[in-house]
């Protein structure tokens, strides 16, 4: 191949030209790389020095302090002389305390008899009557006329008119007797008389058992009271 190049002078010239270009570029690249490698440490050192220079700068903080308040010294009271203080105390005592009244012993114009007997004199006392603190003797049952006040109804319902008597137009009345207990309830309901018989008895018994009264009293004590009444059934 070299022999062929020697035979052709133009080709030899081209080969030399390309070889010189490659060698020149290689040398230039080596020179640039060496220059860069030599500059890199300096650049790195210069970057590290900058923060050190900034570290040297010191910051200054300004704080505003309140001025100290100087409290005035308390004034010392001048002590008065002891004589003036005692005089003032005597004046105050004389102004506040009223003058003491002077009492004279009474002179009795009567002469006392020293021969009177000395000893305790007993006066006659009245007879003491014994009063019993127990309550009155109460009976088991009372009539309406024996209590302190008449019975007062609290709950008093009207009886129900039987349907049979209402349809047939039957009217009548029932006389009933019952016991109002100490608590005001109704017990022992009994039919004394009725007209007509056995028509209104059941309605009256149910009605009276539901009644409630204020209990009767004897001397303020609740008692059992017998009561009677007549209930009439009339059609409107």
Protein backbone atom coordinates (compact mmCIF):
# COMPACT_ATOMS: atom_id res chain seq x y z
CA UNK A 1 0.00 0.00 0.00
CA UNK A 2 2.94 2.32 0.72
CA UNK A 3 4.35 1.51 -2.68
CA UNK A 4 1.10 2.54 -4.26
CA UNK A 5 1.14 5.80 -2.30
CA UNK A 6 4.70 6.53 -3.45
CA UNK A 7 3.67 5.97 -6.97
CA UNK A 8 0.91 8.58 -6.60
CA UNK A 9 2.33 11.92 -5.33
CA UNK A 10 -1.12 13.51 -4.82
CA UNK A 11 -2.20 10.72 -2.54
CA UNK A 12 1.02 11.07 -0.58
CA UNK A 13 0.40 14.74 -0.08
CA UNK A 14 -3.16 14.11 1.12
CA UNK A 15 -1.98 11.52 3.61
CA UNK A 16 0.59 13.92 5.07
CA UNK A 17 -2.01 16.66 5.31
CA UNK A 18 -4.53 14.48 7.17
CA UNK A 19 -1.80 13.14 9.46
CA UNK A 20 -0.66 16.63 10.35
CA UNK A 21 -4.26 17.65 11.10
CA UNK A 22 -4.83 14.70 13.38
CA UNK A 23 -1.58 15.26 15.24
CA UNK A 24 -2.35 18.95 15.64
CA UNK A 25 -5.84 18.26 16.99
CA UNK A 26 -4.46 15.66 19.39
CA UNK A 27 -1.84 18.07 20.69
CA UNK A 28 -4.45 20.81 21.06
CA UNK A 29 -6.79 18.48 22.98
CA UNK A 30 -3.95 17.45 25.28
CA UNK A 31 -3.06 21.08 25.89
CA UNK A 32 -6.68 22.01 26.69
CA UNK A 33 -7.08 19.07 29.09
CA UNK A 34 -3.90 20.00 30.91
CA UNK A 35 -5.04 23.62 31.15
CA UNK A 36 -8.42 22.58 32.54
CA UNK A 37 -6.91 20.19 35.07
CA UNK A 38 -4.55 22.90 36.25
CA UNK A 39 -7.36 25.48 36.62
CA UNK A 40 -9.84 23.19 38.45
CA UNK A 41 -8.07 23.21 41.87
CA UNK A 42 -7.82 26.99 41.77
CA UNK A 43 -11.53 27.34 40.99
CA UNK A 44 -12.43 24.95 43.80
CA UNK A 45 -10.20 26.80 46.28
CA UNK A 46 -11.67 30.17 45.31
CA UNK A 47 -15.25 28.84 45.90
CA UNK A 48 -14.28 27.55 49.34
CA UNK A 49 -12.75 30.84 50.35
CA UNK A 50 -15.95 32.80 49.76
CA UNK A 51 -17.95 31.31 52.69
CA UNK A 52 -14.92 31.82 54.93
CA UNK A 53 -14.91 35.48 54.08
CA UNK A 54 -18.65 35.69 54.83
CA UNK A 55 -18.14 33.91 58.15
CA UNK A 56 -15.95 36.76 59.31
CA UNK A 57 -18.92 39.17 59.11
CA UNK A 58 -20.49 39.61 62.55
CA UNK A 59 -24.17 40.52 62.99
CA UNK A 60 -25.24 43.12 65.51
CA UNK A 61 -28.72 42.95 67.21
CA UNK A 62 -30.27 46.10 68.64
CA UNK A 63 -32.52 45.66 71.72
CA UNK A 64 -34.49 48.55 73.17
CA UNK A 65 -34.45 48.43 76.99
CA UNK A 66 -37.16 50.03 79.09
CA UNK A 67 -35.89 52.67 81.46
CA UNK A 68 -36.04 51.70 85.10
CA UNK A 69 -38.88 53.29 87.01
CA UNK A 70 -37.60 54.98 90.11
CA UNK A 71 -40.24 54.76 92.84
CA UNK A 72 -40.39 57.80 95.09
CA UNK A 73 -39.26 57.23 98.60
CA UNK A 74 -42.07 57.22 101.16
CA UNK A 75 -42.13 60.26 103.29
CA UNK A 76 -41.28 59.60 106.85
CA UNK A 77 -43.88 60.83 109.25
CA UNK A 78 -42.57 63.13 111.82
CA UNK A 79 -42.95 61.70 115.26
CA UNK A 80 -44.75 63.97 117.60
CA UNK A 81 -43.41 64.42 121.04
CA UNK A 82 -44.76 62.02 123.64
CA UNK A 83 -46.33 64.83 125.66
CA UNK A 84 -48.50 66.01 122.74
CA UNK A 85 -49.60 62.43 122.02
CA UNK A 86 -50.63 61.90 125.64
CA UNK A 87 -52.56 65.18 125.63
CA UNK A 88 -54.44 64.16 122.51
CA UNK A 89 -55.34 60.77 124.05
CA UNK A 90 -56.69 62.47 127.17
CA UNK A 91 -58.78 64.85 125.06
CA UNK A 92 -60.27 61.96 123.04
CA UNK A 93 -61.06 59.97 126.18
CA UNK A 94 -62.75 62.93 127.81
CA UNK A 95 -64.83 63.55 124.64
CA UNK A 96 -65.94 59.92 124.18
CA UNK A 97 -66.52 58.79 127.76
CA UNK A 98 -69.54 60.46 129.42
CA UNK A 99 -69.12 61.76 132.95
CA UNK A 100 -69.92 59.25 135.67
CA UNK A 101 -73.08 60.18 137.58
CA UNK A 102 -72.70 60.47 141.28
CA UNK A 103 -75.27 58.53 143.28
CA UNK A 104 -76.10 59.33 146.85
CA UNK A 105 -77.30 56.66 149.21
CA UNK A 106 -80.97 57.19 150.09
CA UNK A 107 -81.63 58.02 153.67
CA UNK A 108 -84.63 56.15 155.11
CA UNK A 109 -86.62 58.05 157.71
CA UNK A 110 -87.99 54.74 159.06
CA UNK A 111 -86.17 52.93 161.81
CA UNK A 112 -85.74 49.20 161.27
CA UNK A 113 -86.80 46.87 164.04
CA UNK A 114 -83.95 44.53 164.75
CA UNK A 115 -86.15 42.25 166.89
CA UNK A 116 -88.08 40.83 163.88
CA UNK A 117 -87.65 37.07 163.44
CA UNK A 118 -85.08 36.09 160.87
CA UNK A 119 -85.88 33.13 158.54
CA UNK A 120 -87.55 32.09 155.32
CA UNK A 121 -91.20 33.05 155.11
CA UNK A 122 -93.36 30.48 153.24
CA UNK A 123 -96.37 31.87 151.41
CA UNK A 124 -99.37 29.60 150.82
CA UNK A 125 -99.25 28.23 147.20
CA UNK A 126 -102.40 27.26 145.23
CA UNK A 127 -103.15 23.62 144.55
CA UNK A 128 -101.65 22.34 141.30
CA UNK A 129 -104.11 20.56 139.06
CA UNK A 130 -102.81 17.70 136.97
CA UNK A 131 -103.57 18.02 133.28
CA UNK A 132 -103.42 14.95 131.12
CA UNK A 133 -101.32 15.36 127.99
CA UNK A 134 -102.90 12.41 126.24
CA UNK A 135 -105.33 12.89 123.34
CA UNK A 136 -109.09 12.45 123.59
CA UNK A 137 -110.61 9.02 123.86
CA UNK A 138 -111.71 8.30 120.30
CA UNK A 139 -114.31 5.83 119.14
CA UNK A 140 -113.92 3.47 116.22
CA UNK A 141 -116.74 5.11 114.21
CA UNK A 142 -118.52 8.47 114.29
CA UNK A 143 -121.66 9.88 112.71
CA UNK A 144 -121.67 13.00 110.58
CA UNK A 145 -123.12 15.11 113.39
CA UNK A 146 -120.27 14.19 115.80
CA UNK A 147 -117.33 15.46 113.79
CA UNK A 148 -115.85 18.97 113.81
CA UNK A 149 -117.06 19.91 110.30
CA UNK A 150 -119.18 18.22 107.57
CA UNK A 151 -117.52 15.88 105.08
CA UNK A 152 -116.07 17.63 102.06
CA UNK A 153 -116.06 15.64 98.78
CA UNK A 154 -112.82 15.74 96.78
CA UNK A 155 -113.77 13.33 93.96
CA UNK A 156 -117.48 12.73 93.33
CA UNK A 157 -118.55 11.09 90.07
CA UNK A 158 -122.14 10.74 88.82
CA UNK A 159 -123.52 7.23 88.48
CA UNK A 160 -124.10 5.70 85.05
CA UNK A 161 -127.77 5.45 84.08
CA UNK A 162 -128.56 1.76 83.35
CA UNK A 163 -129.39 1.18 79.66
CA UNK A 164 -132.39 -1.08 80.44
CA UNK A 165 -134.00 1.55 82.66
CA UNK A 166 -133.15 4.31 80.14
CA UNK A 167 -134.78 2.41 77.23
CA UNK A 168 -137.89 1.63 79.26
CA UNK A 169 -138.09 5.16 80.68
CA UNK A 170 -137.75 4.04 84.31
CA UNK A 171 -136.85 6.62 86.95
CA UNK A 172 -136.12 6.11 90.66
CA UNK A 173 -133.83 6.69 93.65
CA UNK A 174 -131.44 4.77 95.91
CA UNK A 175 -130.62 5.45 99.58
CA UNK A 176 -127.04 4.34 100.34
CA UNK A 177 -124.88 4.17 103.50
CA UNK A 178 -121.06 4.10 103.41
CA UNK A 179 -118.00 4.60 105.62
CA UNK A 180 -115.43 7.36 105.01
CA UNK A 181 -112.12 6.20 106.51
CA UNK A 182 -109.35 8.25 108.13
CA UNK A 183 -107.63 8.53 104.73
CA UNK A 184 -110.77 9.77 102.91
CA UNK A 185 -111.53 6.53 101.04
CA UNK A 186 -115.00 4.93 100.86
CA UNK A 187 -115.65 1.44 102.24
CA UNK A 188 -118.57 -0.76 103.33
CA UNK A 189 -121.14 0.57 100.84
CA UNK A 190 -124.67 -0.71 101.68
CA UNK A 191 -128.02 -0.09 99.96
CA UNK A 192 -130.64 0.88 102.59
CA UNK A 193 -133.63 1.42 100.29
CA UNK A 194 -134.35 1.75 96.58
CA UNK A 195 -137.29 2.47 94.28
CA UNK A 196 -137.60 0.44 92.09
CA UNK A 197 -135.69 -2.43 93.67
CA UNK A 198 -132.55 -3.91 92.05
CA UNK A 199 -132.57 -1.53 89.08
CA UNK A 200 -130.04 1.11 90.12
CA UNK A 201 -128.23 -0.74 92.97
CA UNK A 202 -125.15 -1.87 91.00
CA UNK A 203 -124.62 1.54 89.35
CA UNK A 204 -124.81 3.28 92.76
CA UNK A 205 -122.40 0.83 94.42
CA UNK A 206 -119.74 1.26 91.68
CA UNK A 207 -120.13 5.03 91.73
CA UNK A 208 -119.90 5.51 95.52
CA UNK A 209 -116.82 3.27 95.82
CA UNK A 210 -114.94 5.71 93.55
CA UNK A 211 -115.75 8.76 95.70
CA UNK A 212 -113.02 10.45 97.80
CA UNK A 213 -113.52 12.82 100.76
CA UNK A 214 -111.50 15.05 103.00
CA UNK A 215 -111.49 12.92 106.19
CA UNK A 216 -113.61 14.03 109.12
CA UNK A 217 -111.84 15.09 112.33
CA UNK A 218 -112.59 15.13 116.05
CA UNK A 219 -110.44 17.71 117.88
CA UNK A 220 -108.17 17.82 114.83
CA UNK A 221 -107.64 14.04 114.63
CA UNK A 222 -108.91 12.15 111.49
CA UNK A 223 -111.59 9.53 112.31
CA UNK A 224 -113.87 7.03 110.55
CA UNK A 225 -117.27 8.53 109.74
CA UNK A 226 -120.55 6.88 108.68
CA UNK A 227 -122.47 8.82 106.01
CA UNK A 228 -125.79 8.42 104.16
CA UNK A 229 -127.14 9.95 100.96
CA UNK A 230 -129.92 9.53 98.38
CA UNK A 231 -129.05 9.31 94.69
CA UNK A 232 -131.88 10.05 92.24
CA UNK A 233 -132.16 8.81 88.63
CA UNK A 234 -134.25 11.08 86.41
CA UNK A 235 -134.53 11.21 82.60
CA UNK A 236 -134.16 14.55 80.85
